Amino acid sequence: MGIWRISAESLARSRFAISALTETVAAMKSLHTGVSLPGQRAWLDTHVAAYRTRVADDPFATALLRAAFRPRWLAGFLTPPPDQPDATFADELGRVRATPPEVARRDLSLGTGAPLPPELRVSDLPSRTADLLAWVWTRTVEPDWPRRRRLFEADIVSRIGALSAGRGRHRLPDRSTQRRRLGCRARADAAGDALARRRSATGQHL
C-alpha cells in the first residue's frame, strides 16, 4: 500500500474531476473479471454476454485485457488524468488514441513483467485500444452515464465539505467509486517520483 503525503499548498491547488473514460475502463474491468460493485450486478448481467462475444472474436482484445488488468496494476495510458474539468468522453478517448505506441507497450509490459505477445507488438495498439473502449462506452456506460455522473457530483460535494470542515487535516477518504473499481496503481521508482513532483508543481486531479 502506498501513502501519498499532500501539502496544504498542493491540496489548495487540487481539484476533483469526473472522468467518463475512467468509468468506462472500470466498467471494462468488471466485464472482464465478472466482478461488480454492490448495486451493479444487474448491469453486469445485462452486458457481460455481448462483451464476451465481442472479445472472444478479437485476439488483440484478449491479449490487451490480459496485460492491462493485472493484480494491483493498471496500464497508465488507459486513464490519463483529465486535463480539463469539462472533458467529454471523446476528448479523453482522443488522448488514448494519440498515445505513442512505444509508451502504451511500455505501460503494458510493466504490468506483466515479461515481453508482450505478438498481438500487442503492433503500431496501432493505442488506436485499437481506443476502439475497444469506445465499444464499451457506447454499449454499456453511455446509456447510464447521466445517473452515474450525478452520483459522482454528489460524492464530490460531500468530499469538499469534509475537507473544508477539517481544514485539510484529514486524509482524503478512499471511498471513490471510480478509484475503488479500478484499484490502486503505484510504483516507487524514479519515474514515479518525478510524476509526484510534477503533480505537486502543477496541481493534482483527485
N, C-alpha and C. Protein backbone atom coordinates (compact mmCIF):
# COMPACT_ATOMS: atom_id res chain seq x y z
N MET A 1 0.84 -1.19 0.00
CA MET A 1 0.00 0.00 0.00
C MET A 1 0.88 1.23 0.00
N GLY A 2 0.54 2.22 -0.82
CA GLY A 2 1.29 3.47 -0.86
C GLY A 2 0.61 4.55 -0.06
N ILE A 3 1.40 5.46 0.49
CA ILE A 3 0.88 6.60 1.23
C ILE A 3 1.33 7.87 0.53
N TRP A 4 0.38 8.71 0.14
CA TRP A 4 0.67 9.98 -0.51
C TRP A 4 0.53 11.08 0.52
N ARG A 5 1.58 11.86 0.74
CA ARG A 5 1.52 13.00 1.64
C ARG A 5 1.37 14.25 0.78
N ILE A 6 0.28 14.97 0.99
CA ILE A 6 -0.04 16.13 0.16
C ILE A 6 0.03 17.36 1.04
N SER A 7 0.83 18.33 0.66
CA SER A 7 0.96 19.55 1.45
C SER A 7 -0.30 20.37 1.33
N ALA A 8 -0.49 21.29 2.28
CA ALA A 8 -1.67 22.16 2.24
C ALA A 8 -1.68 22.99 0.97
N GLU A 9 -0.48 23.42 0.51
CA GLU A 9 -0.41 24.21 -0.71
C GLU A 9 -0.84 23.40 -1.93
N SER A 10 -0.36 22.15 -2.00
CA SER A 10 -0.75 21.30 -3.13
C SER A 10 -2.25 20.99 -3.08
N LEU A 11 -2.77 20.75 -1.88
CA LEU A 11 -4.19 20.45 -1.74
C LEU A 11 -5.04 21.63 -2.18
N ALA A 12 -4.56 22.84 -1.88
CA ALA A 12 -5.32 24.03 -2.26
C ALA A 12 -5.39 24.18 -3.78
N ARG A 13 -4.37 23.68 -4.50
CA ARG A 13 -4.37 23.77 -5.96
C ARG A 13 -5.04 22.57 -6.62
N SER A 14 -5.44 21.60 -5.81
CA SER A 14 -6.02 20.38 -6.37
C SER A 14 -7.49 20.58 -6.70
N ARG A 15 -8.00 19.70 -7.53
CA ARG A 15 -9.42 19.75 -7.85
C ARG A 15 -9.90 18.34 -8.18
N PHE A 16 -11.14 18.09 -7.88
CA PHE A 16 -11.75 16.83 -8.25
C PHE A 16 -12.19 16.90 -9.72
N ALA A 17 -12.16 15.77 -10.40
CA ALA A 17 -12.61 15.72 -11.78
C ALA A 17 -13.35 14.42 -12.01
N ILE A 18 -14.40 14.50 -12.80
CA ILE A 18 -15.18 13.31 -13.17
C ILE A 18 -14.73 12.87 -14.56
N SER A 19 -14.44 11.59 -14.69
CA SER A 19 -13.89 11.07 -15.94
C SER A 19 -14.77 9.96 -16.50
N ALA A 20 -15.39 10.24 -17.64
CA ALA A 20 -16.18 9.21 -18.32
C ALA A 20 -15.28 8.08 -18.79
N LEU A 21 -14.04 8.42 -19.16
CA LEU A 21 -13.10 7.38 -19.60
C LEU A 21 -12.75 6.44 -18.45
N THR A 22 -12.46 7.01 -17.27
CA THR A 22 -12.14 6.17 -16.12
C THR A 22 -13.29 5.25 -15.79
N GLU A 23 -14.51 5.76 -15.87
CA GLU A 23 -15.67 4.92 -15.60
C GLU A 23 -15.80 3.82 -16.65
N THR A 24 -15.45 4.12 -17.88
CA THR A 24 -15.51 3.11 -18.95
C THR A 24 -14.46 2.03 -18.73
N VAL A 25 -13.26 2.42 -18.33
CA VAL A 25 -12.22 1.43 -18.04
C VAL A 25 -12.64 0.57 -16.85
N ALA A 26 -13.24 1.19 -15.83
CA ALA A 26 -13.72 0.43 -14.69
C ALA A 26 -14.81 -0.55 -15.11
N ALA A 27 -15.69 -0.11 -15.99
CA ALA A 27 -16.74 -1.00 -16.50
C ALA A 27 -16.13 -2.16 -17.28
N MET A 28 -15.11 -1.87 -18.09
CA MET A 28 -14.46 -2.94 -18.85
C MET A 28 -13.79 -3.94 -17.92
N LYS A 29 -13.21 -3.45 -16.83
CA LYS A 29 -12.60 -4.37 -15.88
C LYS A 29 -13.66 -5.26 -15.24
N SER A 30 -14.82 -4.69 -14.88
CA SER A 30 -15.89 -5.50 -14.30
C SER A 30 -16.38 -6.55 -15.29
N LEU A 31 -16.53 -6.15 -16.54
CA LEU A 31 -16.98 -7.09 -17.56
C LEU A 31 -15.93 -8.19 -17.79
N HIS A 32 -14.67 -7.81 -17.70
CA HIS A 32 -13.58 -8.77 -17.91
C HIS A 32 -13.48 -9.78 -16.77
N THR A 33 -13.61 -9.29 -15.54
CA THR A 33 -13.44 -10.17 -14.37
C THR A 33 -14.74 -10.83 -13.92
N GLY A 34 -15.87 -10.26 -14.32
CA GLY A 34 -17.15 -10.77 -13.84
C GLY A 34 -17.46 -10.36 -12.42
N VAL A 35 -16.71 -9.39 -11.90
CA VAL A 35 -16.91 -8.92 -10.53
C VAL A 35 -17.44 -7.50 -10.58
N SER A 36 -18.51 -7.23 -9.85
CA SER A 36 -19.12 -5.90 -9.86
C SER A 36 -19.25 -5.36 -8.44
N LEU A 37 -19.42 -4.06 -8.36
CA LEU A 37 -19.72 -3.44 -7.07
C LEU A 37 -21.15 -3.76 -6.67
N PRO A 38 -21.46 -3.66 -5.37
CA PRO A 38 -22.86 -3.82 -4.95
C PRO A 38 -23.74 -2.83 -5.71
N GLY A 39 -24.86 -3.31 -6.18
CA GLY A 39 -25.77 -2.47 -6.94
C GLY A 39 -25.53 -2.48 -8.43
N GLN A 40 -24.43 -3.10 -8.88
CA GLN A 40 -24.09 -3.14 -10.30
C GLN A 40 -24.31 -4.53 -10.92
N ARG A 41 -24.81 -5.46 -10.14
CA ARG A 41 -24.93 -6.83 -10.63
C ARG A 41 -25.90 -6.92 -11.82
N ALA A 42 -27.00 -6.20 -11.75
CA ALA A 42 -27.96 -6.24 -12.86
C ALA A 42 -27.34 -5.67 -14.13
N TRP A 43 -26.58 -4.60 -13.97
CA TRP A 43 -25.89 -4.02 -15.14
C TRP A 43 -24.93 -5.04 -15.73
N LEU A 44 -24.15 -5.70 -14.89
CA LEU A 44 -23.18 -6.69 -15.38
C LEU A 44 -23.88 -7.83 -16.10
N ASP A 45 -24.94 -8.34 -15.51
CA ASP A 45 -25.66 -9.45 -16.13
C ASP A 45 -26.25 -9.06 -17.48
N THR A 46 -26.62 -7.79 -17.62
CA THR A 46 -27.21 -7.32 -18.87
C THR A 46 -26.20 -7.28 -20.01
N HIS A 47 -24.95 -6.94 -19.69
CA HIS A 47 -23.98 -6.65 -20.75
C HIS A 47 -22.87 -7.68 -20.93
N VAL A 48 -22.67 -8.57 -19.96
CA VAL A 48 -21.48 -9.40 -20.00
C VAL A 48 -21.47 -10.37 -21.18
N ALA A 49 -22.61 -10.88 -21.60
CA ALA A 49 -22.63 -11.85 -22.70
C ALA A 49 -22.18 -11.19 -24.00
N ALA A 50 -22.71 -10.01 -24.31
CA ALA A 50 -22.31 -9.31 -25.54
C ALA A 50 -20.84 -8.93 -25.49
N TYR A 51 -20.37 -8.54 -24.32
CA TYR A 51 -18.96 -8.19 -24.17
C TYR A 51 -18.07 -9.39 -24.45
N ARG A 52 -18.40 -10.53 -23.88
CA ARG A 52 -17.57 -11.72 -24.08
C ARG A 52 -17.57 -12.16 -25.53
N THR A 53 -18.68 -12.00 -26.20
CA THR A 53 -18.73 -12.31 -27.63
C THR A 53 -17.82 -11.38 -28.41
N ARG A 54 -17.86 -10.09 -28.06
CA ARG A 54 -17.00 -9.10 -28.73
C ARG A 54 -15.52 -9.43 -28.55
N VAL A 55 -15.13 -9.78 -27.34
CA VAL A 55 -13.72 -10.03 -27.04
C VAL A 55 -13.26 -11.37 -27.59
N ALA A 56 -14.13 -12.38 -27.56
CA ALA A 56 -13.73 -13.73 -27.98
C ALA A 56 -13.30 -13.78 -29.43
N ASP A 57 -13.86 -12.90 -30.25
CA ASP A 57 -13.54 -12.89 -31.67
C ASP A 57 -12.38 -11.96 -32.02
N ASP A 58 -11.69 -11.45 -30.99
CA ASP A 58 -10.65 -10.46 -31.21
C ASP A 58 -9.40 -10.83 -30.41
N PRO A 59 -8.42 -11.49 -31.04
CA PRO A 59 -7.19 -11.87 -30.33
C PRO A 59 -6.45 -10.68 -29.72
N PHE A 60 -6.51 -9.53 -30.39
CA PHE A 60 -5.88 -8.33 -29.84
C PHE A 60 -6.53 -7.95 -28.51
N ALA A 61 -7.85 -7.90 -28.47
CA ALA A 61 -8.55 -7.52 -27.25
C ALA A 61 -8.26 -8.50 -26.12
N THR A 62 -8.24 -9.77 -26.44
CA THR A 62 -7.95 -10.79 -25.42
C THR A 62 -6.57 -10.57 -24.80
N ALA A 63 -5.57 -10.32 -25.65
CA ALA A 63 -4.21 -10.08 -25.16
C ALA A 63 -4.12 -8.77 -24.39
N LEU A 64 -4.80 -7.74 -24.88
CA LEU A 64 -4.78 -6.44 -24.22
C LEU A 64 -5.34 -6.53 -22.81
N LEU A 65 -6.48 -7.16 -22.66
CA LEU A 65 -7.12 -7.24 -21.34
C LEU A 65 -6.28 -8.05 -20.37
N ARG A 66 -5.64 -9.10 -20.87
CA ARG A 66 -4.80 -9.91 -20.01
C ARG A 66 -3.60 -9.10 -19.51
N ALA A 67 -3.07 -8.23 -20.35
CA ALA A 67 -1.90 -7.44 -19.96
C ALA A 67 -2.29 -6.19 -19.16
N ALA A 68 -3.42 -5.60 -19.47
CA ALA A 68 -3.79 -4.31 -18.87
C ALA A 68 -4.27 -4.44 -17.44
N PHE A 69 -5.02 -5.49 -17.15
CA PHE A 69 -5.61 -5.65 -15.83
C PHE A 69 -4.85 -6.70 -15.05
N ARG A 70 -3.83 -6.24 -14.35
CA ARG A 70 -3.00 -7.11 -13.53
C ARG A 70 -3.30 -6.84 -12.06
N PRO A 71 -2.97 -7.80 -11.17
CA PRO A 71 -3.18 -7.54 -9.74
C PRO A 71 -2.43 -6.28 -9.30
N ARG A 72 -3.17 -5.33 -8.74
CA ARG A 72 -2.61 -4.08 -8.21
C ARG A 72 -1.90 -3.25 -9.28
N TRP A 73 -2.29 -3.41 -10.53
CA TRP A 73 -1.65 -2.64 -11.61
C TRP A 73 -2.63 -2.39 -12.73
N LEU A 74 -2.61 -1.17 -13.23
CA LEU A 74 -3.42 -0.80 -14.39
C LEU A 74 -2.54 -0.01 -15.34
N ALA A 75 -2.51 -0.37 -16.59
CA ALA A 75 -1.69 0.35 -17.57
C ALA A 75 -2.08 1.82 -17.60
N GLY A 76 -1.10 2.69 -17.37
CA GLY A 76 -1.39 4.10 -17.19
C GLY A 76 -1.99 4.79 -18.40
N PHE A 77 -1.67 4.37 -19.60
CA PHE A 77 -2.17 5.09 -20.77
C PHE A 77 -3.67 4.95 -20.95
N LEU A 78 -4.29 3.99 -20.24
CA LEU A 78 -5.74 3.81 -20.34
C LEU A 78 -6.51 4.91 -19.63
N THR A 79 -5.92 5.51 -18.60
CA THR A 79 -6.65 6.51 -17.81
C THR A 79 -5.79 7.75 -17.55
N PRO A 80 -5.47 8.53 -18.58
CA PRO A 80 -4.74 9.77 -18.34
C PRO A 80 -5.58 10.70 -17.49
N PRO A 81 -4.97 11.41 -16.51
CA PRO A 81 -5.77 12.33 -15.69
C PRO A 81 -6.46 13.37 -16.56
N PRO A 82 -7.71 13.70 -16.28
CA PRO A 82 -8.41 14.72 -17.08
C PRO A 82 -7.62 16.02 -17.10
N ASP A 83 -7.47 16.62 -18.28
CA ASP A 83 -6.71 17.86 -18.39
C ASP A 83 -7.61 19.08 -18.44
N GLN A 84 -8.92 18.87 -18.33
CA GLN A 84 -9.87 19.97 -18.26
C GLN A 84 -11.11 19.48 -17.52
N PRO A 85 -11.75 20.35 -16.74
CA PRO A 85 -12.85 19.89 -15.89
C PRO A 85 -14.08 19.42 -16.66
N ASP A 86 -14.27 19.90 -17.87
CA ASP A 86 -15.45 19.54 -18.64
C ASP A 86 -15.11 18.64 -19.83
N ALA A 87 -14.05 17.86 -19.70
CA ALA A 87 -13.65 16.97 -20.80
C ALA A 87 -14.75 15.94 -21.09
N THR A 88 -15.04 15.73 -22.35
CA THR A 88 -16.01 14.72 -22.76
C THR A 88 -15.30 13.38 -22.94
N PHE A 89 -16.11 12.33 -23.09
CA PHE A 89 -15.52 11.02 -23.36
C PHE A 89 -14.70 11.07 -24.64
N ALA A 90 -15.20 11.77 -25.65
CA ALA A 90 -14.46 11.86 -26.92
C ALA A 90 -13.12 12.55 -26.72
N ASP A 91 -13.09 13.61 -25.88
CA ASP A 91 -11.82 14.29 -25.58
C ASP A 91 -10.82 13.32 -24.96
N GLU A 92 -11.28 12.60 -23.94
CA GLU A 92 -10.39 11.68 -23.22
C GLU A 92 -9.95 10.52 -24.11
N LEU A 93 -10.87 10.01 -24.91
CA LEU A 93 -10.53 8.90 -25.79
C LEU A 93 -9.50 9.33 -26.83
N GLY A 94 -9.59 10.59 -27.26
CA GLY A 94 -8.62 11.10 -28.21
C GLY A 94 -7.21 11.08 -27.65
N ARG A 95 -7.07 11.30 -26.34
CA ARG A 95 -5.74 11.25 -25.72
C ARG A 95 -5.21 9.82 -25.68
N VAL A 96 -6.09 8.85 -25.46
CA VAL A 96 -5.66 7.45 -25.51
C VAL A 96 -5.19 7.11 -26.93
N ARG A 97 -5.98 7.53 -27.90
CA ARG A 97 -5.66 7.21 -29.29
C ARG A 97 -4.35 7.87 -29.74
N ALA A 98 -4.04 9.02 -29.13
CA ALA A 98 -2.82 9.75 -29.50
C ALA A 98 -1.58 9.29 -28.73
N THR A 99 -1.73 8.32 -27.85
CA THR A 99 -0.58 7.80 -27.10
C THR A 99 0.46 7.21 -28.06
N PRO A 100 1.72 7.57 -27.93
CA PRO A 100 2.73 6.91 -28.76
C PRO A 100 2.73 5.40 -28.51
N PRO A 101 2.80 4.60 -29.55
CA PRO A 101 2.75 3.14 -29.37
C PRO A 101 3.78 2.61 -28.40
N GLU A 102 4.99 3.19 -28.40
CA GLU A 102 6.02 2.70 -27.51
C GLU A 102 5.68 2.96 -26.04
N VAL A 103 4.96 4.05 -25.79
CA VAL A 103 4.54 4.35 -24.41
C VAL A 103 3.49 3.34 -23.97
N ALA A 104 2.53 3.04 -24.83
CA ALA A 104 1.50 2.07 -24.49
C ALA A 104 2.10 0.69 -24.25
N ARG A 105 3.04 0.29 -25.10
CA ARG A 105 3.68 -1.01 -24.92
C ARG A 105 4.47 -1.06 -23.61
N ARG A 106 5.15 0.04 -23.28
CA ARG A 106 5.90 0.08 -22.02
C ARG A 106 4.97 -0.05 -20.82
N ASP A 107 3.84 0.66 -20.85
CA ASP A 107 2.89 0.57 -19.74
C ASP A 107 2.39 -0.86 -19.56
N LEU A 108 2.09 -1.52 -20.65
CA LEU A 108 1.58 -2.88 -20.57
C LEU A 108 2.66 -3.85 -20.08
N SER A 109 3.88 -3.69 -20.57
CA SER A 109 4.95 -4.62 -20.18
C SER A 109 5.35 -4.43 -18.72
N LEU A 110 5.20 -3.22 -18.17
CA LEU A 110 5.48 -3.01 -16.75
C LEU A 110 4.57 -3.86 -15.88
N GLY A 111 3.33 -4.00 -16.31
CA GLY A 111 2.38 -4.78 -15.54
C GLY A 111 2.63 -6.28 -15.64
N THR A 112 3.03 -6.75 -16.81
CA THR A 112 3.22 -8.18 -16.99
C THR A 112 4.59 -8.64 -16.51
N GLY A 113 5.56 -7.75 -16.56
CA GLY A 113 6.92 -8.14 -16.20
C GLY A 113 7.54 -9.11 -17.18
N ALA A 114 7.02 -9.13 -18.40
CA ALA A 114 7.50 -10.07 -19.42
C ALA A 114 7.30 -9.43 -20.79
N PRO A 115 7.99 -9.97 -21.82
CA PRO A 115 7.77 -9.44 -23.17
C PRO A 115 6.30 -9.57 -23.58
N LEU A 116 5.83 -8.60 -24.32
CA LEU A 116 4.44 -8.63 -24.76
C LEU A 116 4.25 -9.67 -25.86
N PRO A 117 3.06 -10.25 -25.96
CA PRO A 117 2.80 -11.21 -27.04
C PRO A 117 2.74 -10.50 -28.38
N PRO A 118 2.85 -11.25 -29.47
CA PRO A 118 2.85 -10.62 -30.81
C PRO A 118 1.61 -9.76 -31.07
N GLU A 119 0.46 -10.15 -30.51
CA GLU A 119 -0.77 -9.40 -30.76
C GLU A 119 -0.67 -7.95 -30.30
N LEU A 120 0.22 -7.67 -29.32
CA LEU A 120 0.34 -6.32 -28.79
C LEU A 120 1.56 -5.57 -29.31
N ARG A 121 2.38 -6.24 -30.07
CA ARG A 121 3.56 -5.57 -30.63
C ARG A 121 3.20 -5.02 -32.01
N VAL A 122 2.22 -4.12 -32.02
CA VAL A 122 1.70 -3.55 -33.26
C VAL A 122 1.74 -2.03 -33.18
N SER A 123 1.84 -1.39 -34.32
CA SER A 123 1.97 0.06 -34.35
C SER A 123 0.68 0.78 -34.03
N ASP A 124 -0.46 0.13 -34.22
CA ASP A 124 -1.75 0.78 -33.97
C ASP A 124 -2.36 0.34 -32.64
N LEU A 125 -1.52 -0.06 -31.69
CA LEU A 125 -2.02 -0.52 -30.38
C LEU A 125 -2.92 0.52 -29.71
N PRO A 126 -2.52 1.81 -29.60
CA PRO A 126 -3.41 2.79 -28.95
C PRO A 126 -4.74 2.96 -29.68
N SER A 127 -4.70 2.97 -30.99
CA SER A 127 -5.93 3.16 -31.76
C SER A 127 -6.90 1.98 -31.56
N ARG A 128 -6.38 0.77 -31.59
CA ARG A 128 -7.24 -0.40 -31.41
C ARG A 128 -7.75 -0.49 -29.97
N THR A 129 -6.93 -0.03 -29.02
CA THR A 129 -7.39 0.03 -27.63
C THR A 129 -8.55 1.02 -27.51
N ALA A 130 -8.40 2.18 -28.15
CA ALA A 130 -9.47 3.18 -28.13
C ALA A 130 -10.74 2.65 -28.77
N ASP A 131 -10.62 1.86 -29.82
CA ASP A 131 -11.81 1.28 -30.45
C ASP A 131 -12.56 0.37 -29.48
N LEU A 132 -11.83 -0.42 -28.70
CA LEU A 132 -12.47 -1.30 -27.72
C LEU A 132 -13.14 -0.49 -26.62
N LEU A 133 -12.46 0.55 -26.15
CA LEU A 133 -13.05 1.40 -25.12
C LEU A 133 -14.31 2.10 -25.65
N ALA A 134 -14.29 2.52 -26.90
CA ALA A 134 -15.46 3.16 -27.49
C ALA A 134 -16.64 2.19 -27.53
N TRP A 135 -16.36 0.92 -27.83
CA TRP A 135 -17.43 -0.08 -27.83
C TRP A 135 -18.03 -0.24 -26.44
N VAL A 136 -17.17 -0.34 -25.42
CA VAL A 136 -17.66 -0.50 -24.04
C VAL A 136 -18.47 0.72 -23.63
N TRP A 137 -17.99 1.91 -23.96
CA TRP A 137 -18.71 3.14 -23.60
C TRP A 137 -20.09 3.18 -24.26
N THR A 138 -20.12 2.99 -25.56
CA THR A 138 -21.38 3.13 -26.30
C THR A 138 -22.41 2.08 -25.89
N ARG A 139 -21.96 0.85 -25.70
CA ARG A 139 -22.89 -0.24 -25.42
C ARG A 139 -23.28 -0.36 -23.95
N THR A 140 -22.38 0.02 -23.02
CA THR A 140 -22.64 -0.34 -21.62
C THR A 140 -22.66 0.83 -20.65
N VAL A 141 -21.95 1.91 -20.95
CA VAL A 141 -21.84 3.00 -19.98
C VAL A 141 -22.65 4.23 -20.38
N GLU A 142 -22.55 4.65 -21.62
CA GLU A 142 -23.20 5.89 -22.05
C GLU A 142 -24.69 5.95 -21.74
N PRO A 143 -25.47 4.86 -21.94
CA PRO A 143 -26.90 4.96 -21.62
C PRO A 143 -27.18 5.30 -20.16
N ASP A 144 -26.26 4.94 -19.27
CA ASP A 144 -26.46 5.16 -17.84
C ASP A 144 -25.59 6.30 -17.31
N TRP A 145 -24.89 7.00 -18.21
CA TRP A 145 -23.93 8.00 -17.75
C TRP A 145 -24.57 9.16 -16.99
N PRO A 146 -25.71 9.72 -17.39
CA PRO A 146 -26.28 10.83 -16.62
C PRO A 146 -26.50 10.47 -15.15
N ARG A 147 -26.99 9.27 -14.88
CA ARG A 147 -27.21 8.86 -13.48
C ARG A 147 -25.87 8.70 -12.75
N ARG A 148 -24.92 8.06 -13.40
CA ARG A 148 -23.62 7.87 -12.77
C ARG A 148 -22.94 9.21 -12.50
N ARG A 149 -23.04 10.14 -13.42
CA ARG A 149 -22.42 11.44 -13.23
C ARG A 149 -23.04 12.17 -12.04
N ARG A 150 -24.33 12.08 -11.89
CA ARG A 150 -24.98 12.73 -10.74
C ARG A 150 -24.46 12.15 -9.43
N LEU A 151 -24.22 10.86 -9.38
CA LEU A 151 -23.68 10.24 -8.17
C LEU A 151 -22.27 10.75 -7.88
N PHE A 152 -21.44 10.87 -8.91
CA PHE A 152 -20.09 11.38 -8.71
C PHE A 152 -20.12 12.84 -8.25
N GLU A 153 -21.02 13.63 -8.82
CA GLU A 153 -21.12 15.04 -8.43
C GLU A 153 -21.52 15.16 -6.96
N ALA A 154 -22.46 14.33 -6.53
CA ALA A 154 -22.86 14.35 -5.12
C ALA A 154 -21.70 13.92 -4.23
N ASP A 155 -20.93 12.96 -4.68
CA ASP A 155 -19.78 12.48 -3.92
C ASP A 155 -18.73 13.59 -3.77
N ILE A 156 -18.51 14.35 -4.83
CA ILE A 156 -17.54 15.44 -4.79
C ILE A 156 -17.98 16.51 -3.80
N VAL A 157 -19.26 16.87 -3.83
CA VAL A 157 -19.78 17.86 -2.89
C VAL A 157 -19.54 17.41 -1.45
N SER A 158 -19.77 16.13 -1.19
CA SER A 158 -19.56 15.59 0.15
C SER A 158 -18.09 15.68 0.56
N ARG A 159 -17.18 15.35 -0.35
CA ARG A 159 -15.75 15.38 -0.03
C ARG A 159 -15.26 16.80 0.21
N ILE A 160 -15.70 17.72 -0.62
CA ILE A 160 -15.29 19.10 -0.44
C ILE A 160 -15.75 19.61 0.92
N GLY A 161 -16.96 19.25 1.32
CA GLY A 161 -17.45 19.65 2.63
C GLY A 161 -16.61 19.07 3.75
N ALA A 162 -16.23 17.79 3.61
CA ALA A 162 -15.42 17.14 4.64
C ALA A 162 -14.04 17.77 4.74
N LEU A 163 -13.44 18.08 3.60
CA LEU A 163 -12.12 18.70 3.60
C LEU A 163 -12.18 20.11 4.18
N SER A 164 -13.22 20.86 3.83
CA SER A 164 -13.35 22.22 4.35
C SER A 164 -13.55 22.22 5.85
N ALA A 165 -14.36 21.30 6.34
CA ALA A 165 -14.63 21.23 7.78
C ALA A 165 -13.38 20.85 8.55
N GLY A 166 -12.53 20.03 7.96
CA GLY A 166 -11.32 19.59 8.64
C GLY A 166 -10.12 20.47 8.39
N ARG A 167 -10.31 21.54 7.57
CA ARG A 167 -9.22 22.47 7.25
C ARG A 167 -7.99 21.75 6.69
N GLY A 168 -8.26 20.64 5.95
CA GLY A 168 -7.17 19.95 5.27
C GLY A 168 -6.40 18.98 6.13
N ARG A 169 -6.80 18.80 7.41
CA ARG A 169 -6.03 17.93 8.29
C ARG A 169 -6.38 16.46 8.09
N HIS A 170 -7.54 16.19 7.53
CA HIS A 170 -7.98 14.80 7.38
C HIS A 170 -7.44 14.20 6.09
N ARG A 171 -7.25 12.93 6.11
CA ARG A 171 -6.86 12.23 4.89
C ARG A 171 -8.04 12.20 3.94
N LEU A 172 -7.74 12.18 2.66
CA LEU A 172 -8.81 12.01 1.68
C LEU A 172 -9.40 10.62 1.84
N PRO A 173 -10.72 10.49 1.97
CA PRO A 173 -11.31 9.16 2.12
C PRO A 173 -11.14 8.34 0.87
N ASP A 174 -10.81 7.07 1.03
CA ASP A 174 -10.58 6.19 -0.11
C ASP A 174 -11.86 5.43 -0.46
N ARG A 175 -12.92 6.20 -0.72
CA ARG A 175 -14.20 5.57 -1.00
C ARG A 175 -14.73 5.97 -2.37
N SER A 176 -13.88 6.58 -3.17
CA SER A 176 -14.30 6.95 -4.51
C SER A 176 -14.68 5.72 -5.31
N THR A 177 -15.86 5.77 -5.93
CA THR A 177 -16.31 4.63 -6.72
C THR A 177 -15.35 4.34 -7.86
N GLN A 178 -14.92 5.37 -8.57
CA GLN A 178 -14.02 5.14 -9.70
C GLN A 178 -12.70 4.57 -9.22
N ARG A 179 -12.15 5.12 -8.12
CA ARG A 179 -10.88 4.61 -7.62
C ARG A 179 -11.04 3.18 -7.13
N ARG A 180 -12.15 2.90 -6.44
CA ARG A 180 -12.34 1.57 -5.86
C ARG A 180 -12.50 0.53 -6.96
N ARG A 181 -13.17 0.87 -8.05
CA ARG A 181 -13.41 -0.10 -9.10
C ARG A 181 -12.13 -0.41 -9.87
N LEU A 182 -11.27 0.58 -10.02
CA LEU A 182 -10.06 0.35 -10.78
C LEU A 182 -8.94 -0.24 -9.94
N GLY A 183 -8.98 -0.04 -8.62
CA GLY A 183 -7.90 -0.48 -7.76
C GLY A 183 -6.81 0.56 -7.72
N CYS A 184 -5.72 0.24 -7.06
CA CYS A 184 -4.64 1.21 -6.84
C CYS A 184 -3.46 0.89 -7.73
N ARG A 185 -2.87 1.91 -8.31
CA ARG A 185 -1.67 1.73 -9.11
C ARG A 185 -0.59 2.62 -8.55
N ALA A 186 0.52 2.07 -8.13
CA ALA A 186 1.61 2.90 -7.61
C ALA A 186 2.93 2.20 -7.87
N ARG A 187 3.96 2.98 -8.20
CA ARG A 187 5.29 2.43 -8.37
C ARG A 187 6.27 3.35 -7.66
N ALA A 188 7.11 2.80 -6.80
CA ALA A 188 8.11 3.60 -6.09
C ALA A 188 9.41 3.54 -6.86
N ASP A 189 9.48 4.26 -7.96
CA ASP A 189 10.70 4.29 -8.74
C ASP A 189 10.97 5.72 -9.16
N ALA A 190 12.04 5.93 -9.93
CA ALA A 190 12.41 7.29 -10.31
C ALA A 190 11.31 7.96 -11.12
N ALA A 191 10.69 7.20 -12.03
CA ALA A 191 9.62 7.78 -12.84
C ALA A 191 8.45 8.20 -11.96
N GLY A 192 8.12 7.37 -10.98
CA GLY A 192 7.03 7.71 -10.08
C GLY A 192 7.35 8.92 -9.24
N ASP A 193 8.60 9.04 -8.77
CA ASP A 193 9.00 10.21 -8.00
C ASP A 193 8.89 11.47 -8.85
N ALA A 194 9.31 11.38 -10.10
CA ALA A 194 9.23 12.54 -10.98
C ALA A 194 7.78 12.94 -11.21
N LEU A 195 6.91 11.94 -11.38
CA LEU A 195 5.50 12.21 -11.57
C LEU A 195 4.91 12.90 -10.36
N ALA A 196 5.28 12.43 -9.17
CA ALA A 196 4.76 13.04 -7.95
C ALA A 196 5.21 14.49 -7.85
N ARG A 197 6.48 14.75 -8.20
CA ARG A 197 6.96 16.12 -8.14
C ARG A 197 6.24 17.00 -9.15
N ARG A 198 6.01 16.47 -10.36
CA ARG A 198 5.35 17.25 -11.39
C ARG A 198 3.91 17.57 -10.99
N ARG A 199 3.22 16.59 -10.38
CA ARG A 199 1.86 16.83 -9.96
C ARG A 199 1.82 17.84 -8.82
N SER A 200 2.81 17.79 -7.93
CA SER A 200 2.85 18.76 -6.84
C SER A 200 3.04 20.17 -7.38
N ALA A 201 3.78 20.29 -8.48
CA ALA A 201 4.06 21.61 -9.03
C ALA A 201 2.91 22.16 -9.85
N THR A 202 2.15 21.27 -10.47
CA THR A 202 1.13 21.75 -11.43
C THR A 202 -0.28 21.59 -10.91
N GLY A 203 -0.47 20.90 -9.81
CA GLY A 203 -1.82 20.66 -9.32
C GLY A 203 -2.24 19.25 -9.61
N GLN A 204 -2.95 18.64 -8.70
CA GLN A 204 -3.28 17.22 -8.79
C GLN A 204 -4.77 17.02 -9.00
N HIS A 205 -5.14 16.19 -9.98
CA HIS A 205 -6.52 15.75 -10.11
C HIS A 205 -6.74 14.62 -9.13
N LEU A 206 -7.82 14.67 -8.36
CA LEU A 206 -8.10 13.65 -7.36
C LEU A 206 -9.34 12.86 -7.74
